[in-house]
Amino acid sequence: MSFQIIPAIDVIGGQCVRLTQGDYGQKSVYHNDPLEIAKAFEGAGISRLHLVDLDGAKEKKIVNHKVLERIATQTNLHIDFGGGVQSNEMIDLAFSLGAKQITAGSIAVKNPELVLSWFEKYGADKIILGADAKNEQIAVSGWQENSNLSVYDFVSDYVQKGAKYIISTDVAKDGLLQGPSFDLYKNLQKQNSGLNIIASGGVSNLEDLQQLKAMNLFGVIVGKAFYEGKITLEQLAQFA
């Protein structure tokens, strides 16, 4: 599998937005129609999309289901979906609307039994573990809470129970365009051979992408750097 560029579309009120460090008060609206953005990514040869329902994350249930459905039915993108997937009903809804994988973030900390039941029902390859870290501790609930749980222990425990994919964001880096947390990913790799690690947060330029690719990670989520024009669609297409 080649290194995967995974653009992010974060949705509030049906619009494509970005938050800085998970702060709903620091919101930038980039486009009124997420589907148009998704089609642009697909047109550049990109095959995957990280779609996040930020309203859903707040409400603890999927809110922007029409956005997921439209992108799933009008593109061929492999969508991993997160935000509000916190019950059996919601994971069923996400998959029925066209998500190929879901990201289990706060729910993986707060209700591991439920997430492990999803491994059993859907297959562990369908569930991406969201391992967001602040000072190497797991951060939950939109990064508003610190769990006092080591990110390394958390991930290793899930890997022993079958986890195949993780997205790990260093909260301190997210949205600041100051470079990814390379050490975090190196340490996760050392402790969990064979785990598909997706880097997220801090990507600011093409060199960051090249360095992450050289680390043999599964992929990287690109958000603000693209929307702010630091990385172009043509540059992303080089990795497709």
Protein backbone atom coordinates (compact mmCIF):
# COMPACT_ATOMS: atom_id res chain seq x y z
CA MET A 1 0.00 0.00 0.00
CA SER A 2 1.40 3.36 -0.99
CA PHE A 3 1.46 6.34 1.34
CA GLN A 4 -2.09 7.71 1.56
CA ILE A 5 -2.90 11.41 1.41
CA ILE A 6 -6.21 11.75 3.25
CA PRO A 7 -7.78 15.21 2.99
CA ALA A 8 -10.08 16.26 5.81
CA ILE A 9 -13.48 17.84 5.45
CA ASP A 10 -14.85 19.06 8.78
CA VAL A 11 -18.52 19.99 8.73
CA ILE A 12 -20.56 22.43 10.81
CA GLY A 13 -24.04 23.40 9.63
CA GLY A 14 -23.44 21.66 6.31
CA GLN A 15 -20.41 23.83 5.54
CA CYS A 16 -16.74 22.93 5.20
CA VAL A 17 -14.90 24.47 8.16
CA ARG A 18 -11.70 24.14 10.17
CA LEU A 19 -11.22 24.64 13.89
CA THR A 20 -7.94 25.54 15.58
CA GLN A 21 -6.99 23.06 18.32
CA GLY A 22 -10.57 21.79 18.45
CA ASP A 23 -11.92 25.17 19.60
CA TYR A 24 -15.42 25.80 18.21
CA GLY A 25 -14.79 29.51 18.91
CA GLN A 26 -11.89 29.48 16.42
CA LYS A 27 -13.81 28.46 13.31
CA SER A 28 -12.99 29.30 9.69
CA VAL A 29 -15.56 28.57 6.96
CA TYR A 30 -13.85 27.52 3.72
CA HIS A 31 -16.68 26.39 1.48
CA ASN A 32 -20.47 26.19 1.52
CA ASP A 33 -20.62 22.83 -0.26
CA PRO A 34 -18.40 20.00 1.03
CA LEU A 35 -19.36 17.87 -1.99
CA GLU A 36 -17.61 20.28 -4.36
CA ILE A 37 -14.43 20.07 -2.29
CA ALA A 38 -14.67 16.26 -2.21
CA LYS A 39 -15.05 16.14 -6.00
CA ALA A 40 -11.96 18.32 -6.39
CA PHE A 41 -9.95 15.86 -4.28
CA GLU A 42 -11.23 12.93 -6.32
CA GLY A 43 -10.43 14.77 -9.54
CA ALA A 44 -6.81 15.10 -8.40
CA GLY A 45 -6.53 11.31 -8.09
CA ILE A 46 -6.95 11.19 -4.32
CA SER A 47 -8.89 8.12 -3.18
CA ARG A 48 -9.57 8.66 0.53
CA LEU A 49 -11.41 11.25 2.62
CA HIS A 50 -11.56 11.93 6.36
CA LEU A 51 -15.05 13.37 6.96
CA VAL A 52 -15.83 14.77 10.41
CA ASP A 53 -19.26 15.86 11.63
CA LEU A 54 -18.30 18.49 14.20
CA ASP A 55 -21.95 19.15 15.05
CA GLY A 56 -22.28 15.41 15.61
CA ALA A 57 -19.26 15.36 17.90
CA LYS A 58 -20.98 17.95 20.08
CA GLU A 59 -24.43 16.35 19.95
CA LYS A 60 -23.08 12.79 20.37
CA LYS A 61 -25.12 11.66 17.36
CA ILE A 62 -24.73 12.13 13.59
CA VAL A 63 -26.12 15.51 12.54
CA ASN A 64 -24.74 16.17 9.04
CA HIS A 65 -25.86 12.83 7.61
CA LYS A 66 -26.88 14.41 4.29
CA VAL A 67 -23.30 15.56 3.69
CA LEU A 68 -22.00 12.01 4.20
CA GLU A 69 -24.70 10.56 1.96
CA ARG A 70 -24.12 13.08 -0.85
CA ILE A 71 -20.35 12.57 -0.91
CA ALA A 72 -20.69 8.78 -0.67
CA THR A 73 -23.20 8.57 -3.51
CA GLN A 74 -21.66 11.19 -5.82
CA THR A 75 -17.96 10.28 -5.52
CA ASN A 76 -15.98 7.04 -5.28
CA LEU A 77 -13.93 8.28 -2.33
CA HIS A 78 -13.17 5.86 0.49
CA ILE A 79 -14.72 7.80 3.38
CA ASP A 80 -13.72 7.37 6.97
CA PHE A 81 -16.32 9.14 9.04
CA GLY A 82 -16.18 10.50 12.56
CA GLY A 83 -18.19 12.74 14.83
CA GLY A 84 -21.25 11.52 16.70
CA VAL A 85 -20.66 7.80 16.16
CA GLN A 86 -21.26 6.81 19.76
CA SER A 87 -23.91 4.08 19.61
CA ASN A 88 -24.86 0.97 17.64
CA GLU A 89 -27.60 2.97 15.96
CA MET A 90 -25.16 5.65 14.79
CA ILE A 91 -22.50 3.28 13.47
CA ASP A 92 -25.19 1.42 11.51
CA LEU A 93 -26.38 4.77 10.11
CA ALA A 94 -22.84 5.82 9.10
CA PHE A 95 -22.23 2.59 7.21
CA SER A 96 -25.69 2.62 5.64
CA LEU A 97 -25.04 6.15 4.32
CA GLY A 98 -21.82 5.03 2.63
CA ALA A 99 -18.94 5.36 5.09
CA LYS A 100 -16.27 2.70 4.51
CA GLN A 101 -14.69 3.12 7.95
CA ILE A 102 -15.59 5.04 11.08
CA THR A 103 -13.28 6.78 13.50
CA ALA A 104 -13.86 5.87 17.15
CA GLY A 105 -12.44 8.68 19.27
CA SER A 106 -13.89 9.61 22.66
CA ILE A 107 -16.11 6.54 22.63
CA ALA A 108 -13.00 4.31 22.50
CA VAL A 109 -11.88 5.83 25.81
CA LYS A 110 -15.26 6.02 27.51
CA ASN A 111 -16.85 2.78 26.33
CA PRO A 112 -14.19 0.32 25.13
CA GLU A 113 -16.59 -2.62 25.43
CA LEU A 114 -18.84 -1.05 22.79
CA VAL A 115 -15.93 -0.41 20.42
CA LEU A 116 -14.64 -3.96 20.86
CA SER A 117 -18.13 -5.22 20.01
CA TRP A 118 -17.86 -3.23 16.77
CA PHE A 119 -14.56 -4.99 16.02
CA GLU A 120 -16.48 -8.26 16.34
CA LYS A 121 -19.50 -7.21 14.31
CA TYR A 122 -17.93 -5.21 11.46
CA GLY A 123 -14.27 -6.29 11.52
CA ALA A 124 -11.45 -4.37 13.18
CA ASP A 125 -10.32 -3.02 9.80
CA LYS A 126 -13.56 -1.00 9.59
CA ILE A 127 -12.88 0.87 12.83
CA ILE A 128 -10.11 3.48 13.03
CA LEU A 129 -9.01 4.16 16.58
CA GLY A 130 -8.84 7.89 17.30
CA ALA A 131 -5.86 8.38 19.59
CA ASP A 132 -5.60 12.13 20.13
CA ALA A 133 -2.85 13.15 22.49
CA LYS A 134 -2.05 16.18 24.60
CA ASN A 135 1.33 15.95 26.37
CA GLU A 136 1.34 12.24 25.45
CA GLN A 137 -1.96 11.68 27.26
CA ILE A 138 -5.24 10.84 25.57
CA ALA A 139 -7.53 13.85 25.07
CA VAL A 140 -11.28 13.28 24.70
CA SER A 141 -14.55 15.13 24.08
CA GLY A 142 -13.29 17.43 21.37
CA TRP A 143 -10.00 17.74 23.25
CA GLN A 144 -11.71 19.58 26.09
CA GLU A 145 -10.89 16.82 28.59
CA ASN A 146 -7.62 15.13 29.52
CA SER A 147 -7.97 11.47 30.45
CA ASN A 148 -4.69 10.97 32.37
CA LEU A 149 -4.24 7.93 30.13
CA SER A 150 -0.92 7.42 28.29
CA VAL A 151 -1.44 7.49 24.53
CA TYR A 152 1.09 4.66 24.18
CA ASP A 153 -0.63 2.40 26.71
CA PHE A 154 -4.02 3.19 25.18
CA VAL A 155 -2.94 2.30 21.65
CA SER A 156 -0.97 -0.82 22.64
CA ASP A 157 -3.96 -2.12 24.62
CA TYR A 158 -6.26 -1.73 21.60
CA VAL A 159 -3.69 -3.29 19.24
CA GLN A 160 -3.57 -6.35 21.50
CA LYS A 161 -7.35 -6.50 21.14
CA GLY A 162 -7.22 -6.35 17.35
CA ALA A 163 -7.01 -2.69 16.29
CA LYS A 164 -5.53 -2.33 12.80
CA TYR A 165 -5.76 1.42 12.14
CA ILE A 166 -5.25 4.55 14.23
CA ILE A 167 -5.44 8.26 13.59
CA SER A 168 -3.29 10.12 16.08
CA THR A 169 -3.45 13.89 16.42
CA ASP A 170 -1.14 15.86 18.66
CA VAL A 171 -3.62 18.43 19.94
CA ALA A 172 -0.84 20.92 20.63
CA LYS A 173 0.01 20.92 16.90
CA ASP A 174 -3.46 20.91 15.34
CA GLY A 175 -4.34 23.84 13.11
CA LEU A 176 -1.15 25.74 13.90
CA LEU A 177 0.79 24.81 10.73
CA GLN A 178 3.96 24.30 12.76
CA GLY A 179 4.84 20.77 11.70
CA PRO A 180 3.62 17.32 12.75
CA SER A 181 4.59 15.47 15.91
CA PHE A 182 7.16 13.16 14.30
CA ASP A 183 8.37 11.75 17.64
CA LEU A 184 4.84 10.69 18.61
CA TYR A 185 4.53 8.62 15.42
CA LYS A 186 8.04 7.15 15.75
CA ASN A 187 7.25 5.99 19.28
CA LEU A 188 3.89 4.53 18.25
CA GLN A 189 5.59 2.66 15.40
CA LYS A 190 8.29 1.25 17.68
CA GLN A 191 5.73 -0.17 20.09
CA ASN A 192 3.18 -1.45 17.56
CA SER A 193 4.73 -3.09 14.52
CA GLY A 194 2.29 -3.63 11.67
CA LEU A 195 -0.18 -1.00 12.89
CA ASN A 196 -1.52 1.32 10.17
CA ILE A 197 -0.75 4.76 11.60
CA ILE A 198 -2.36 7.86 10.14
CA ALA A 199 -0.67 11.11 11.14
CA SER A 200 -2.83 14.15 11.79
CA GLY A 201 -2.22 17.72 12.91
CA GLY A 202 0.45 20.29 12.21
CA VAL A 203 1.15 19.52 8.54
CA SER A 204 2.31 22.81 7.04
CA ASN A 205 4.12 22.13 3.76
CA LEU A 206 5.23 19.58 1.18
CA GLU A 207 8.37 18.73 3.17
CA ASP A 208 6.22 17.57 6.11
CA LEU A 209 4.40 15.16 3.80
CA GLN A 210 7.66 13.84 2.36
CA GLN A 211 9.11 13.29 5.83
CA LEU A 212 5.99 11.41 7.00
CA LYS A 213 6.06 9.28 3.86
CA ALA A 214 9.72 8.41 4.53
CA MET A 215 8.66 7.10 7.96
CA ASN A 216 6.52 4.44 6.25
CA LEU A 217 3.32 5.53 7.94
CA PHE A 218 0.04 4.40 6.38
CA GLY A 219 -0.98 7.96 5.61
CA VAL A 220 -1.54 11.54 6.69
CA ILE A 221 -4.58 13.73 7.13
CA VAL A 222 -4.24 17.12 5.47
CA GLY A 223 -6.59 19.90 6.51
CA LYS A 224 -5.74 23.49 7.23
CA ALA A 225 -2.52 23.50 5.17
CA PHE A 226 -4.60 22.80 2.06
CA TYR A 227 -7.41 25.20 2.91
CA GLU A 228 -4.94 28.00 3.70
CA GLY A 229 -3.06 27.45 0.44
CA LYS A 230 0.17 26.17 2.04
CA ILE A 231 -0.11 22.92 0.07
CA THR A 232 -1.77 22.86 -3.35
CA LEU A 233 -4.06 20.25 -4.84
CA GLU A 234 -1.33 19.60 -7.45
CA GLN A 235 1.18 18.85 -4.68
CA LEU A 236 -1.25 16.47 -2.99
CA ALA A 237 -1.81 14.77 -6.35
CA GLN A 238 1.91 13.91 -6.52
CA PHE A 239 1.30 11.34 -3.78
CA ALA A 240 -1.87 9.90 -5.33
